[in-house]
C-alpha cells in the first residue's frame, strides 16, 4: 500500500510522479465526490490542497491517463511479435 503526500510537501525533483499518477486523480475524484460539500470534507480537501471546484478535471485526467495506457498496450500487443521465425 502507500500514502499520499500533498503536492506542496513533495520535493521538486519528484513532483512529476505526483502529476502523472492516475491513482491520485482517482482518489482525488472519489474524495471530492463523496465528501466535497460537508464540513469534514472541506477540511480534508483543504488539508490536501484539493478543490471541490475542480472535480471534473480529476475525472478527465484519470480517463485520459488510462486511455493512453490502454492504447499503448493495444499497440504494443498487436505490433510486437514474440515469435521467432
Protein backbone atom coordinates (compact mmCIF):
# COMPACT_ATOMS: atom_id res chain seq x y z
CA UNK A 1 0.00 0.00 0.00
CA UNK A 2 1.13 3.54 0.42
CA UNK A 3 0.08 7.01 1.35
CA UNK A 4 -0.47 10.28 -0.44
CA UNK A 5 1.70 13.27 0.31
CA UNK A 6 0.25 16.71 -0.50
CA UNK A 7 1.79 18.28 -3.60
CA UNK A 8 3.31 21.20 -1.70
CA UNK A 9 5.29 18.79 0.53
CA UNK A 10 6.90 16.82 -2.32
CA UNK A 11 10.46 17.76 -3.34
CA UNK A 12 10.66 19.46 -6.76
CA UNK A 13 12.59 16.60 -8.36
CA UNK A 14 9.74 14.13 -7.54
CA UNK A 15 6.73 16.32 -8.33
CA UNK A 16 6.39 14.85 -11.83
CA UNK A 17 5.42 11.50 -10.25
CA UNK A 18 2.64 13.27 -8.34
CA UNK A 19 1.24 14.78 -11.54
CA UNK A 20 1.29 11.62 -13.69
CA UNK A 21 -0.06 9.24 -11.04
CA UNK A 22 -3.54 8.13 -12.21
CA UNK A 23 -4.38 6.77 -8.76
CA UNK A 24 -4.00 10.26 -7.31
CA UNK A 25 -6.60 11.60 -9.73
CA UNK A 26 -8.99 8.75 -8.92
CA UNK A 27 -8.58 9.20 -5.17
CA UNK A 28 -8.97 12.92 -5.54
CA UNK A 29 -12.14 12.45 -7.58
CA UNK A 30 -13.60 9.98 -5.08
CA UNK A 31 -12.84 12.18 -2.07
CA UNK A 32 -14.20 15.29 -3.75
CA UNK A 33 -17.33 13.45 -4.84
CA UNK A 34 -18.07 11.82 -1.50
CA UNK A 35 -17.03 14.50 0.98
CA UNK A 36 -16.85 17.67 -1.07
CA UNK A 37 -19.61 19.77 0.42
CA UNK A 38 -19.60 18.60 4.05
CA UNK A 39 -17.64 20.38 6.77
CA UNK A 40 -15.29 17.42 7.27
CA UNK A 41 -14.90 17.09 3.51
CA UNK A 42 -13.96 20.72 3.08
CA UNK A 43 -11.37 20.39 5.85
CA UNK A 44 -9.94 17.24 4.25
CA UNK A 45 -9.78 18.83 0.81
CA UNK A 46 -8.13 21.95 2.20
CA UNK A 47 -5.55 19.86 4.05
CA UNK A 48 -4.59 18.04 0.84
CA UNK A 49 -4.62 21.20 -1.26
CA UNK A 50 -7.52 19.97 -3.40
CA UNK A 51 -10.60 21.83 -4.54
CA UNK A 52 -14.25 20.87 -4.98
CA UNK A 53 -14.45 23.25 -7.95
CA UNK A 54 -12.02 21.15 -9.99
CA UNK A 55 -13.94 17.88 -9.55
CA UNK A 56 -14.49 17.24 -13.27
CA UNK A 57 -10.85 17.91 -14.07
CA UNK A 58 -9.85 14.90 -11.95
CA UNK A 59 -12.20 12.62 -13.87
CA UNK A 60 -10.97 13.85 -17.26
CA UNK A 61 -7.32 13.36 -16.37
CA UNK A 62 -7.88 9.87 -14.92
CA UNK A 63 -9.78 8.75 -18.03
CA UNK A 64 -7.16 10.29 -20.31
CA UNK A 65 -4.28 8.59 -18.49
CA UNK A 66 -5.97 5.19 -18.52
CA UNK A 67 -7.00 5.56 -22.19
CA UNK A 68 -3.41 6.41 -23.11
CA UNK A 69 -2.07 3.40 -21.21
CA UNK A 70 -4.67 1.09 -22.78
CA UNK A 71 -3.92 2.43 -26.27
CA UNK A 72 -0.20 1.91 -25.80
CA UNK A 73 -0.88 -1.60 -24.54
CA UNK A 74 -3.03 -2.46 -27.56
CA UNK A 75 -0.45 -1.05 -29.98
CA UNK A 76 2.35 -2.94 -28.25
CA UNK A 77 0.36 -6.19 -28.19
CA UNK A 78 -0.52 -6.00 -31.88
CA UNK A 79 2.79 -4.74 -33.20
CA UNK A 80 5.29 -6.76 -31.19
CA UNK A 81 5.66 -10.35 -32.27
CA UNK A 82 7.30 -12.57 -29.71
CA UNK A 83 7.57 -15.48 -32.11
CA UNK A 84 10.99 -16.09 -33.61
CA UNK A 85 10.84 -17.30 -37.20
